[in-house]
């Protein structure tokens, strides 16, 4: 298998795993799973799958600060990544940042919101649209 094909296969496997956020994976599980892959592949897959957005937008589980920090460490630009609202939540229209999802999630502790603002201060000035 060519190196390019192997990297693509690894990226797709990670994206499938990241997309399975609803199974409620833990930071320990995420660390164990991602250590099998090169850091650049993990970063790209985390950004492509909108992993940080999915974690923050999942309403039925408590958002853990350690998990958010781990994902931001994997893919630091995720805190400033804008996605279409419908891609991660039908509660928003237009473009949203992770901070919007965190603020909307009643199970997201203030420590996570504070961390996101520290990592991307200009997010505090962004507004969003509701359907």
Foldseek 3Di string as FASTA:
>chain_A
DDPVVVLVVLLVVLLVVLLVCVVPDDQVVVVVVPVVDDLVSNQVSCQVNLSLLQLLQDQPDARDQVSNVVSCVSHVCLQVDWDACVSRHLQFGDIDGSLVSNVVHPRYDPVNNVVSCVSPVCNVVDDTGGD
